[in-house]
């Protein structure tokens, strides 16, 4: 796929020095949420995703790390900055953990205030992003750990195995303990399992 075709799949604009991109898959997934679970779930999911990324951004601002690109795509929102890789390891890990920490703290606040569905969505978002799958925070954290502990030739195998196991385990527990599990949540896990396998061929 050439650069022109990739650009046609996205709406792009700049805010100061930050490039903002909206992939068509982002709108497709949001429409799917709205159709299968109603407006409340879709709106809460968008807010949970936004809170997650804002938490990352807050820590990046604290550590004076500029944001280069923000991409909205089917699996969520991705923030890119080459300077993160050059930051001290502790700062990188704090930035990666900040997103899920924000969701988990807000989930507790929502639960206490009686907003059970919104609390569950934030809890799910926080835990989901810690799974070692694809480009999620958990995968980056695990890869950073594995690179320091394993031989280079074993890193990809460890990451692929951890990703598949966590996705299957998450689906199993959701089906086993969930009451009337959301169709969109089940579909999301199935999508992750299949796309992860294709990506790592």
C-alpha atoms as a PDB file:
ATOM      1  CA  UNK A   1       0.000   0.000   0.000  1.00  0.00           C
ATOM      2  CA  UNK A   2       1.538   3.285  -1.101  1.00  0.00           C
ATOM      3  CA  UNK A   3       1.589   6.511   0.865  1.00  0.00           C
ATOM      4  CA  UNK A   4      -1.248   8.064  -1.153  1.00  0.00           C
ATOM      5  CA  UNK A   5      -3.624   5.182  -0.413  1.00  0.00           C
ATOM      6  CA  UNK A   6      -2.777   5.355   3.295  1.00  0.00           C
ATOM      7  CA  UNK A   7      -3.558   9.094   3.318  1.00  0.00           C
ATOM      8  CA  UNK A   8      -6.947   8.460   1.669  1.00  0.00           C
ATOM      9  CA  UNK A   9      -7.876   6.258   4.620  1.00  0.00           C
ATOM     10  CA  UNK A  10      -7.283   9.088   7.076  1.00  0.00           C
ATOM     11  CA  UNK A  11      -8.437  12.569   7.974  1.00  0.00           C
ATOM     12  CA  UNK A  12      -5.315  14.521   8.925  1.00  0.00           C
ATOM     13  CA  UNK A  13      -4.607  17.980  10.291  1.00  0.00           C
ATOM     14  CA  UNK A  14      -2.063  19.696  12.525  1.00  0.00           C
ATOM     15  CA  UNK A  15      -2.405  21.511  15.837  1.00  0.00           C
ATOM     16  CA  UNK A  16       0.792  23.498  16.328  1.00  0.00           C
ATOM     17  CA  UNK A  17       3.548  20.844  16.116  1.00  0.00           C
ATOM     18  CA  UNK A  18       1.252  17.852  16.636  1.00  0.00           C
ATOM     19  CA  UNK A  19      -0.178  15.846  13.738  1.00  0.00           C
ATOM     20  CA  UNK A  20      -3.720  14.524  14.386  1.00  0.00           C
ATOM     21  CA  UNK A  21      -4.999  11.582  12.323  1.00  0.00           C
ATOM     22  CA  UNK A  22      -8.408   9.882  12.178  1.00  0.00           C
ATOM     23  CA  UNK A  23      -8.381   6.473  10.469  1.00  0.00           C
ATOM     24  CA  UNK A  24     -11.665   5.256   8.964  1.00  0.00           C
ATOM     25  CA  UNK A  25     -11.554   2.197  11.253  1.00  0.00           C
ATOM     26  CA  UNK A  26     -12.024   4.488  14.274  1.00  0.00           C
ATOM     27  CA  UNK A  27     -15.402   5.660  12.966  1.00  0.00           C
ATOM     28  CA  UNK A  28     -16.354   2.104  11.975  1.00  0.00           C
ATOM     29  CA  UNK A  29     -15.711   0.751  15.484  1.00  0.00           C
ATOM     30  CA  UNK A  30     -17.508   3.656  17.153  1.00  0.00           C
ATOM     31  CA  UNK A  31     -20.517   3.058  14.881  1.00  0.00           C
ATOM     32  CA  UNK A  32     -20.418  -0.638  15.789  1.00  0.00           C
ATOM     33  CA  UNK A  33     -20.461   0.167  19.518  1.00  0.00           C
ATOM     34  CA  UNK A  34     -23.396   2.528  19.068  1.00  0.00           C
ATOM     35  CA  UNK A  35     -25.396  -0.012  17.054  1.00  0.00           C
ATOM     36  CA  UNK A  36     -24.772  -3.054  19.270  1.00  0.00           C
ATOM     37  CA  UNK A  37     -24.778  -1.555  22.774  1.00  0.00           C
ATOM     38  CA  UNK A  38     -26.641   1.714  22.479  1.00  0.00           C
ATOM     39  CA  UNK A  39     -25.445   5.284  22.829  1.00  0.00           C
ATOM     40  CA  UNK A  40     -24.569   5.029  26.520  1.00  0.00           C
ATOM     41  CA  UNK A  41     -21.916   2.374  26.008  1.00  0.00           C
ATOM     42  CA  UNK A  42     -20.426   4.034  22.933  1.00  0.00           C
ATOM     43  CA  UNK A  43     -20.211   7.441  24.621  1.00  0.00           C
ATOM     44  CA  UNK A  44     -18.692   5.945  27.799  1.00  0.00           C
ATOM     45  CA  UNK A  45     -16.184   3.970  25.720  1.00  0.00           C
ATOM     46  CA  UNK A  46     -15.056   7.110  23.899  1.00  0.00           C
ATOM     47  CA  UNK A  47     -14.665   8.982  27.193  1.00  0.00           C
ATOM     48  CA  UNK A  48     -12.701   6.098  28.740  1.00  0.00           C
ATOM     49  CA  UNK A  49     -10.381   6.009  25.746  1.00  0.00           C
ATOM     50  CA  UNK A  50      -9.925   9.791  25.863  1.00  0.00           C
ATOM     51  CA  UNK A  51      -9.186   9.700  29.605  1.00  0.00           C
ATOM     52  CA  UNK A  52      -6.587   6.985  29.016  1.00  0.00           C
ATOM     53  CA  UNK A  53      -4.710   9.060  26.455  1.00  0.00           C
ATOM     54  CA  UNK A  54      -5.044  12.298  28.423  1.00  0.00           C
ATOM     55  CA  UNK A  55      -3.365  10.515  31.352  1.00  0.00           C
ATOM     56  CA  UNK A  56      -0.463   9.612  29.043  1.00  0.00           C
ATOM     57  CA  UNK A  57      -0.290  13.195  27.787  1.00  0.00           C
ATOM     58  CA  UNK A  58      -0.243  14.656  31.301  1.00  0.00           C
ATOM     59  CA  UNK A  59       2.818  12.585  32.208  1.00  0.00           C
ATOM     60  CA  UNK A  60       4.501  13.468  28.912  1.00  0.00           C
ATOM     61  CA  UNK A  61       3.948  17.160  29.664  1.00  0.00           C
ATOM     62  CA  UNK A  62       5.319  16.705  33.188  1.00  0.00           C
ATOM     63  CA  UNK A  63       8.453  15.094  31.725  1.00  0.00           C
ATOM     64  CA  UNK A  64       8.669  17.763  28.958  1.00  0.00           C
ATOM     65  CA  UNK A  65       8.239  15.230  26.143  1.00  0.00           C
ATOM     66  CA  UNK A  66       6.485  16.736  23.071  1.00  0.00           C
ATOM     67  CA  UNK A  67       3.711  14.866  21.249  1.00  0.00           C
ATOM     68  CA  UNK A  68       4.380  14.381  17.526  1.00  0.00           C
ATOM     69  CA  UNK A  69       1.356  12.379  16.325  1.00  0.00           C
ATOM     70  CA  UNK A  70      -2.049  11.421  17.738  1.00  0.00           C
ATOM     71  CA  UNK A  71      -3.813   8.701  15.733  1.00  0.00           C
ATOM     72  CA  UNK A  72      -7.439   7.657  16.252  1.00  0.00           C
ATOM     73  CA  UNK A  73      -7.923   4.158  14.810  1.00  0.00           C
ATOM     74  CA  UNK A  74     -10.078   1.063  15.258  1.00  0.00           C
ATOM     75  CA  UNK A  75      -8.303  -0.240  18.335  1.00  0.00           C
ATOM     76  CA  UNK A  76      -8.228   3.100  20.158  1.00  0.00           C
ATOM     77  CA  UNK A  77      -5.913   6.110  20.176  1.00  0.00           C
ATOM     78  CA  UNK A  78      -2.150   6.013  19.692  1.00  0.00           C
ATOM     79  CA  UNK A  79       0.249   8.772  20.753  1.00  0.00           C
ATOM     80  CA  UNK A  80       3.617   8.883  19.012  1.00  0.00           C
ATOM     81  CA  UNK A  81       6.792  10.666  20.016  1.00  0.00           C
ATOM     82  CA  UNK A  82      10.303   9.560  19.132  1.00  0.00           C
ATOM     83  CA  UNK A  83      11.619  11.398  22.193  1.00  0.00           C
ATOM     84  CA  UNK A  84       9.868   8.902  24.484  1.00  0.00           C
ATOM     85  CA  UNK A  85      12.372   6.266  23.385  1.00  0.00           C
ATOM     86  CA  UNK A  86      15.233   8.547  24.430  1.00  0.00           C
ATOM     87  CA  UNK A  87      13.717   9.298  27.833  1.00  0.00           C
ATOM     88  CA  UNK A  88      15.013   7.502  30.964  1.00  0.00           C
ATOM     89  CA  UNK A  89      13.515   4.017  31.423  1.00  0.00           C
ATOM     90  CA  UNK A  90      11.647   5.006  34.595  1.00  0.00           C
ATOM     91  CA  UNK A  91       9.963   7.932  32.823  1.00  0.00           C
ATOM     92  CA  UNK A  92       8.953   5.706  29.889  1.00  0.00           C
ATOM     93  CA  UNK A  93       7.393   3.156  32.215  1.00  0.00           C
ATOM     94  CA  UNK A  94       5.532   5.827  34.199  1.00  0.00           C
ATOM     95  CA  UNK A  95       4.110   7.279  30.971  1.00  0.00           C
ATOM     96  CA  UNK A  96       3.007   3.822  29.812  1.00  0.00           C
ATOM     97  CA  UNK A  97       1.348   3.009  33.141  1.00  0.00           C
ATOM     98  CA  UNK A  98      -0.323   6.412  33.487  1.00  0.00           C
ATOM     99  CA  UNK A  99      -3.093   5.625  31.002  1.00  0.00           C
ATOM    100  CA  UNK A 100      -4.365   2.528  32.781  1.00  0.00           C
ATOM    101  CA  UNK A 101      -3.844   4.156  36.184  1.00  0.00           C
ATOM    102  CA  UNK A 102      -6.126   7.006  35.125  1.00  0.00           C
ATOM    103  CA  UNK A 103      -8.832   4.557  34.011  1.00  0.00           C
ATOM    104  CA  UNK A 104      -8.617   2.443  37.167  1.00  0.00           C
ATOM    105  CA  UNK A 105      -8.770   5.448  39.502  1.00  0.00           C
ATOM    106  CA  UNK A 106     -11.726   6.907  37.614  1.00  0.00           C
ATOM    107  CA  UNK A 107     -13.427   3.484  37.613  1.00  0.00           C
ATOM    108  CA  UNK A 108     -13.268   3.461  41.416  1.00  0.00           C
ATOM    109  CA  UNK A 109     -14.761   6.971  41.571  1.00  0.00           C
ATOM    110  CA  UNK A 110     -17.576   6.003  39.189  1.00  0.00           C
ATOM    111  CA  UNK A 111     -18.320   2.808  41.116  1.00  0.00           C
ATOM    112  CA  UNK A 112     -18.652   4.693  44.415  1.00  0.00           C
ATOM    113  CA  UNK A 113     -20.957   7.229  42.735  1.00  0.00           C
ATOM    114  CA  UNK A 114     -23.203   4.459  41.430  1.00  0.00           C
ATOM    115  CA  UNK A 115     -22.219   4.633  37.742  1.00  0.00           C
ATOM    116  CA  UNK A 116     -21.644   0.884  37.425  1.00  0.00           C
ATOM    117  CA  UNK A 117     -21.598   0.605  33.628  1.00  0.00           C
ATOM    118  CA  UNK A 118     -19.211   3.533  33.151  1.00  0.00           C
ATOM    119  CA  UNK A 119     -17.046   2.136  35.973  1.00  0.00           C
ATOM    120  CA  UNK A 120     -16.881  -1.261  34.263  1.00  0.00           C
ATOM    121  CA  UNK A 121     -15.951   0.325  30.928  1.00  0.00           C
ATOM    122  CA  UNK A 122     -13.075   2.243  32.533  1.00  0.00           C
ATOM    123  CA  UNK A 123     -11.978  -0.860  34.439  1.00  0.00           C
ATOM    124  CA  UNK A 124     -12.048  -2.862  31.216  1.00  0.00           C
ATOM    125  CA  UNK A 125     -10.135  -0.146  29.333  1.00  0.00           C
ATOM    126  CA  UNK A 126      -7.446   0.063  32.015  1.00  0.00           C
ATOM    127  CA  UNK A 127      -6.920  -3.703  32.223  1.00  0.00           C
ATOM    128  CA  UNK A 128      -7.278  -4.217  28.474  1.00  0.00           C
ATOM    129  CA  UNK A 129      -4.447  -1.785  27.710  1.00  0.00           C
ATOM    130  CA  UNK A 130      -2.156  -3.667  30.096  1.00  0.00           C
ATOM    131  CA  UNK A 131      -2.520  -6.876  28.078  1.00  0.00           C
ATOM    132  CA  UNK A 132       0.654  -7.780  26.146  1.00  0.00           C
ATOM    133  CA  UNK A 133      -1.059  -7.554  22.748  1.00  0.00           C
ATOM    134  CA  UNK A 134      -0.046  -5.677  19.608  1.00  0.00           C
ATOM    135  CA  UNK A 135       1.060  -2.128  20.396  1.00  0.00           C
ATOM    136  CA  UNK A 136      -0.807  -1.714  23.678  1.00  0.00           C
ATOM    137  CA  UNK A 137       0.933  -0.380  26.789  1.00  0.00           C
ATOM    138  CA  UNK A 138       1.232  -3.833  28.330  1.00  0.00           C
ATOM    139  CA  UNK A 139       3.000  -5.149  25.246  1.00  0.00           C
ATOM    140  CA  UNK A 140       5.539  -2.310  25.289  1.00  0.00           C
ATOM    141  CA  UNK A 141       6.179  -2.773  29.016  1.00  0.00           C
ATOM    142  CA  UNK A 142       6.602  -6.525  28.614  1.00  0.00           C
ATOM    143  CA  UNK A 143       8.856  -6.121  25.580  1.00  0.00           C
ATOM    144  CA  UNK A 144      11.089  -3.693  27.492  1.00  0.00           C
ATOM    145  CA  UNK A 145      11.356  -6.273  30.277  1.00  0.00           C
ATOM    146  CA  UNK A 146      11.871  -9.258  27.955  1.00  0.00           C
ATOM    147  CA  UNK A 147      14.581  -7.503  25.934  1.00  0.00           C
ATOM    148  CA  UNK A 148      16.626  -7.090  29.114  1.00  0.00           C
ATOM    149  CA  UNK A 149      16.059 -10.674  30.276  1.00  0.00           C
ATOM    150  CA  UNK A 150      15.960 -12.875  27.151  1.00  0.00           C
ATOM    151  CA  UNK A 151      18.081 -13.546  24.102  1.00  0.00           C
ATOM    152  CA  UNK A 152      17.214 -11.372  21.099  1.00  0.00           C
ATOM    153  CA  UNK A 153      16.039 -14.342  19.022  1.00  0.00           C
ATOM    154  CA  UNK A 154      13.480 -15.314  21.694  1.00  0.00           C
ATOM    155  CA  UNK A 155      11.833 -11.902  22.183  1.00  0.00           C
ATOM    156  CA  UNK A 156       9.245 -12.201  19.389  1.00  0.00           C
ATOM    157  CA  UNK A 157       8.281 -15.731  20.431  1.00  0.00           C
ATOM    158  CA  UNK A 158       7.761 -14.665  24.056  1.00  0.00           C
ATOM    159  CA  UNK A 159       5.679 -11.655  22.990  1.00  0.00           C
ATOM    160  CA  UNK A 160       3.511 -13.662  20.596  1.00  0.00           C
ATOM    161  CA  UNK A 161       2.894 -16.398  23.172  1.00  0.00           C
ATOM    162  CA  UNK A 162       2.052 -13.916  25.936  1.00  0.00           C
ATOM    163  CA  UNK A 163      -0.315 -12.008  23.661  1.00  0.00           C
ATOM    164  CA  UNK A 164      -2.270 -15.045  22.506  1.00  0.00           C
ATOM    165  CA  UNK A 165      -2.527 -16.511  26.022  1.00  0.00           C
ATOM    166  CA  UNK A 166      -3.734 -13.230  27.532  1.00  0.00           C
ATOM    167  CA  UNK A 167      -6.326 -12.675  24.789  1.00  0.00           C
ATOM    168  CA  UNK A 168      -7.727 -16.202  25.107  1.00  0.00           C
ATOM    169  CA  UNK A 169      -7.715 -16.015  28.920  1.00  0.00           C
ATOM    170  CA  UNK A 170      -9.496 -12.656  28.874  1.00  0.00           C
ATOM    171  CA  UNK A 171     -12.186 -13.994  26.553  1.00  0.00           C
ATOM    172  CA  UNK A 172     -12.638 -17.112  28.716  1.00  0.00           C
ATOM    173  CA  UNK A 173     -13.100 -15.158  31.951  1.00  0.00           C
ATOM    174  CA  UNK A 174     -15.457 -12.687  30.312  1.00  0.00           C
ATOM    175  CA  UNK A 175     -17.669 -15.524  29.068  1.00  0.00           C
ATOM    176  CA  UNK A 176     -17.396 -17.516  32.309  1.00  0.00           C
ATOM    177  CA  UNK A 177     -18.069 -14.772  34.836  1.00  0.00           C
ATOM    178  CA  UNK A 178     -19.825 -12.093  32.797  1.00  0.00           C
ATOM    179  CA  UNK A 179     -23.576 -11.688  32.989  1.00  0.00           C
ATOM    180  CA  UNK A 180     -24.969 -11.201  29.478  1.00  0.00           C
ATOM    181  CA  UNK A 181     -21.552 -10.149  28.103  1.00  0.00           C
ATOM    182  CA  UNK A 182     -21.520  -7.356  25.569  1.00  0.00           C
ATOM    183  CA  UNK A 183     -21.446  -8.467  21.940  1.00  0.00           C
ATOM    184  CA  UNK A 184     -18.966  -5.715  21.140  1.00  0.00           C
ATOM    185  CA  UNK A 185     -16.580  -6.777  23.914  1.00  0.00           C
ATOM    186  CA  UNK A 186     -16.612 -10.398  22.730  1.00  0.00           C
ATOM    187  CA  UNK A 187     -16.066  -9.280  19.137  1.00  0.00           C
ATOM    188  CA  UNK A 188     -13.182  -7.064  20.237  1.00  0.00           C
ATOM    189  CA  UNK A 189     -11.337  -9.971  21.858  1.00  0.00           C
ATOM    190  CA  UNK A 190     -11.943 -12.239  18.841  1.00  0.00           C
ATOM    191  CA  UNK A 191     -10.669  -9.474  16.562  1.00  0.00           C
ATOM    192  CA  UNK A 192      -7.530  -9.038  18.681  1.00  0.00           C
ATOM    193  CA  UNK A 193      -6.746 -12.754  18.654  1.00  0.00           C
ATOM    194  CA  UNK A 194      -7.069 -12.984  14.868  1.00  0.00           C
ATOM    195  CA  UNK A 195      -5.312  -9.700  14.047  1.00  0.00           C
ATOM    196  CA  UNK A 196      -2.474 -10.463  16.471  1.00  0.00           C
ATOM    197  CA  UNK A 197      -1.886 -13.814  14.804  1.00  0.00           C
ATOM    198  CA  UNK A 198      -1.880 -12.274  11.326  1.00  0.00           C
ATOM    199  CA  UNK A 199       0.424  -9.442  12.378  1.00  0.00           C
ATOM    200  CA  UNK A 200       3.038 -11.801  13.781  1.00  0.00           C
ATOM    201  CA  UNK A 201       3.229 -14.200  10.828  1.00  0.00           C
END
